[in-house]
Amino acid sequence: MIETAPTIPMALAERVRMTPGAVAYRDATIGSAWRDISWSELAQRVTRRRAALAMAKLKPGDRVAIFLSNGIEWVITDLAAMAQGLVTVPLYVRDSALRNGRSTPMERA
């Protein structure tokens, strides 16, 4: 049961098993129509992102920064990182350079 799954990745796997074709998310990029993403498609995309993280030789407990706009790519990356046992560090694209840990020319002066 999803309600008793001990982890979010396990809950995702259970949801995919129960309702693979149901709509998980609706996503739209600027200037395009809304697109439905099924639980099955979401799981496939998470699996591909997990493979990319594995190729980077990241190990459980490693930190990985996510610097993406809010949207389906953020969700996929976060779910993939969780499934790999990684610790996500969110860096918000609309946040200031100082809050994201980057220095600006004014700060270096």
C-alpha atoms as a PDB file:
ATOM      1  CA  MET A   1       0.000   0.000   0.000  1.00  0.00           C
ATOM      2  CA  ILE A   2       1.163   3.479  -0.806  1.00  0.00           C
ATOM      3  CA  GLU A   3       0.183   4.767   2.639  1.00  0.00           C
ATOM      4  CA  THR A   4       2.554   2.329   4.327  1.00  0.00           C
ATOM      5  CA  ALA A   5       5.481   2.534   1.912  1.00  0.00           C
ATOM      6  CA  PRO A   6       8.582   3.315   3.976  1.00  0.00           C
ATOM      7  CA  THR A   7      10.133   5.603   1.348  1.00  0.00           C
ATOM      8  CA  ILE A   8       8.960   7.952  -1.393  1.00  0.00           C
ATOM      9  CA  PRO A   9      10.650   5.869  -4.131  1.00  0.00           C
ATOM     10  CA  MET A  10       8.797   2.784  -2.836  1.00  0.00           C
ATOM     11  CA  ALA A  11       5.519   4.711  -2.831  1.00  0.00           C
ATOM     12  CA  LEU A  12       6.195   5.741  -6.438  1.00  0.00           C
ATOM     13  CA  ALA A  13       6.828   2.116  -7.429  1.00  0.00           C
ATOM     14  CA  GLU A  14       3.565   1.073  -5.784  1.00  0.00           C
ATOM     15  CA  ARG A  15       1.614   3.851  -7.530  1.00  0.00           C
ATOM     16  CA  VAL A  16       3.074   2.794 -10.883  1.00  0.00           C
ATOM     17  CA  ARG A  17       2.103  -0.814 -10.183  1.00  0.00           C
ATOM     18  CA  MET A  18      -1.457   0.174  -9.234  1.00  0.00           C
ATOM     19  CA  THR A  19      -2.243   2.770 -11.917  1.00  0.00           C
ATOM     20  CA  PRO A  20       0.483   2.872 -14.591  1.00  0.00           C
ATOM     21  CA  GLY A  21      -1.611   4.717 -17.182  1.00  0.00           C
ATOM     22  CA  ALA A  22      -3.213   7.262 -14.860  1.00  0.00           C
ATOM     23  CA  VAL A  23      -2.107  10.889 -15.044  1.00  0.00           C
ATOM     24  CA  ALA A  24       0.637  11.641 -12.526  1.00  0.00           C
ATOM     25  CA  TYR A  25       1.435  15.208 -13.618  1.00  0.00           C
ATOM     26  CA  ARG A  26       0.398  17.795 -16.129  1.00  0.00           C
ATOM     27  CA  ASP A  27       3.265  19.845 -17.456  1.00  0.00           C
ATOM     28  CA  ALA A  28       3.622  22.725 -19.879  1.00  0.00           C
ATOM     29  CA  THR A  29       6.648  24.609 -21.021  1.00  0.00           C
ATOM     30  CA  ILE A  30       6.306  28.268 -21.933  1.00  0.00           C
ATOM     31  CA  GLY A  31       4.423  28.613 -25.188  1.00  0.00           C
ATOM     32  CA  SER A  32       3.251  25.019 -25.414  1.00  0.00           C
ATOM     33  CA  ALA A  33       0.117  23.122 -24.502  1.00  0.00           C
ATOM     34  CA  TRP A  34      -0.326  21.147 -21.314  1.00  0.00           C
ATOM     35  CA  ARG A  35       0.909  17.572 -21.567  1.00  0.00           C
ATOM     36  CA  ASP A  36      -0.180  14.654 -19.388  1.00  0.00           C
ATOM     37  CA  ILE A  37       2.531  12.443 -17.916  1.00  0.00           C
ATOM     38  CA  SER A  38       1.460   9.012 -16.716  1.00  0.00           C
ATOM     39  CA  TRP A  39       2.848   7.245 -13.668  1.00  0.00           C
ATOM     40  CA  SER A  40       4.524   4.756 -15.990  1.00  0.00           C
ATOM     41  CA  GLU A  41       6.215   7.487 -18.043  1.00  0.00           C
ATOM     42  CA  LEU A  42       7.281   9.265 -14.871  1.00  0.00           C
ATOM     43  CA  ALA A  43       8.891   6.063 -13.572  1.00  0.00           C
ATOM     44  CA  GLN A  44      10.711   5.522 -16.884  1.00  0.00           C
ATOM     45  CA  ARG A  45      12.079   9.058 -16.806  1.00  0.00           C
ATOM     46  CA  VAL A  46      13.157   8.664 -13.183  1.00  0.00           C
ATOM     47  CA  THR A  47      14.959   5.430 -14.118  1.00  0.00           C
ATOM     48  CA  ARG A  48      16.855   7.219 -16.907  1.00  0.00           C
ATOM     49  CA  ARG A  49      17.831  10.059 -14.555  1.00  0.00           C
ATOM     50  CA  ARG A  50      18.976   7.514 -11.951  1.00  0.00           C
ATOM     51  CA  ALA A  51      21.240   5.967 -14.588  1.00  0.00           C
ATOM     52  CA  ALA A  52      22.742   9.387 -15.308  1.00  0.00           C
ATOM     53  CA  LEU A  53      23.389   9.937 -11.598  1.00  0.00           C
ATOM     54  CA  ALA A  54      24.971   6.483 -11.341  1.00  0.00           C
ATOM     55  CA  MET A  55      27.267   7.298 -14.278  1.00  0.00           C
ATOM     56  CA  ALA A  56      28.472  10.304 -12.273  1.00  0.00           C
ATOM     57  CA  LYS A  57      29.663   7.770  -9.664  1.00  0.00           C
ATOM     58  CA  LEU A  58      27.609   9.403  -6.912  1.00  0.00           C
ATOM     59  CA  LYS A  59      27.204   7.217  -3.832  1.00  0.00           C
ATOM     60  CA  PRO A  60      24.383   7.062  -1.263  1.00  0.00           C
ATOM     61  CA  GLY A  61      24.764   9.983   1.095  1.00  0.00           C
ATOM     62  CA  ASP A  62      26.472  12.214  -1.497  1.00  0.00           C
ATOM     63  CA  ARG A  63      24.919  15.607  -2.034  1.00  0.00           C
ATOM     64  CA  VAL A  64      23.600  16.650  -5.407  1.00  0.00           C
ATOM     65  CA  ALA A  65      22.435  20.182  -6.192  1.00  0.00           C
ATOM     66  CA  ILE A  66      19.268  20.685  -8.212  1.00  0.00           C
ATOM     67  CA  PHE A  67      19.290  24.006 -10.057  1.00  0.00           C
ATOM     68  CA  LEU A  68      16.109  23.845 -12.135  1.00  0.00           C
ATOM     69  CA  SER A  69      12.924  25.823 -12.477  1.00  0.00           C
ATOM     70  CA  ASN A  70       9.871  24.353 -10.815  1.00  0.00           C
ATOM     71  CA  GLY A  71       8.421  21.681 -13.048  1.00  0.00           C
ATOM     72  CA  ILE A  72       8.511  18.054 -14.049  1.00  0.00           C
ATOM     73  CA  GLU A  73      12.294  17.975 -14.557  1.00  0.00           C
ATOM     74  CA  TRP A  74      12.741  19.062 -10.933  1.00  0.00           C
ATOM     75  CA  VAL A  75      10.390  16.282  -9.768  1.00  0.00           C
ATOM     76  CA  ILE A  76      12.177  13.665 -11.876  1.00  0.00           C
ATOM     77  CA  THR A  77      15.606  14.721 -10.646  1.00  0.00           C
ATOM     78  CA  ASP A  78      14.504  14.799  -7.007  1.00  0.00           C
ATOM     79  CA  LEU A  79      12.857  11.362  -7.227  1.00  0.00           C
ATOM     80  CA  ALA A  80      15.906   9.890  -8.987  1.00  0.00           C
ATOM     81  CA  ALA A  81      18.257  11.308  -6.375  1.00  0.00           C
ATOM     82  CA  MET A  82      16.111   9.951  -3.544  1.00  0.00           C
ATOM     83  CA  ALA A  83      16.012   6.525  -5.191  1.00  0.00           C
ATOM     84  CA  GLN A  84      19.839   6.548  -5.371  1.00  0.00           C
ATOM     85  CA  GLY A  85      20.082   7.498  -1.684  1.00  0.00           C
ATOM     86  CA  LEU A  86      21.468  10.936  -2.496  1.00  0.00           C
ATOM     87  CA  VAL A  87      20.844  14.103  -0.512  1.00  0.00           C
ATOM     88  CA  THR A  88      19.342  16.838  -2.663  1.00  0.00           C
ATOM     89  CA  VAL A  89      20.363  20.452  -2.211  1.00  0.00           C
ATOM     90  CA  PRO A  90      17.757  22.689  -3.845  1.00  0.00           C
ATOM     91  CA  LEU A  91      19.081  25.823  -5.535  1.00  0.00           C
ATOM     92  CA  TYR A  92      16.205  27.927  -6.747  1.00  0.00           C
ATOM     93  CA  VAL A  93      16.697  29.726 -10.053  1.00  0.00           C
ATOM     94  CA  ARG A  94      14.762  32.765  -8.865  1.00  0.00           C
ATOM     95  CA  ASP A  95      16.724  33.074  -5.645  1.00  0.00           C
ATOM     96  CA  SER A  96      19.535  35.571  -5.188  1.00  0.00           C
ATOM     97  CA  ALA A  97      23.133  34.706  -6.014  1.00  0.00           C
ATOM     98  CA  LEU A  98      24.055  35.208  -2.364  1.00  0.00           C
ATOM     99  CA  ARG A  99      21.429  32.744  -1.131  1.00  0.00           C
ATOM    100  CA  ASN A 100      22.510  30.191  -3.745  1.00  0.00           C
ATOM    101  CA  GLY A 101      26.105  30.432  -2.542  1.00  0.00           C
ATOM    102  CA  ARG A 102      27.471  32.302  -5.533  1.00  0.00           C
ATOM    103  CA  SER A 103      29.311  35.545  -5.129  1.00  0.00           C
ATOM    104  CA  THR A 104      28.646  38.577  -7.288  1.00  0.00           C
ATOM    105  CA  PRO A 105      31.227  41.097  -8.546  1.00  0.00           C
ATOM    106  CA  MET A 106      30.028  43.505  -5.835  1.00  0.00           C
ATOM    107  CA  GLU A 107      30.671  40.914  -3.118  1.00  0.00           C
ATOM    108  CA  ARG A 108      34.194  40.208  -4.388  1.00  0.00           C
ATOM    109  CA  ALA A 109      35.175  43.888  -4.370  1.00  0.00           C
END
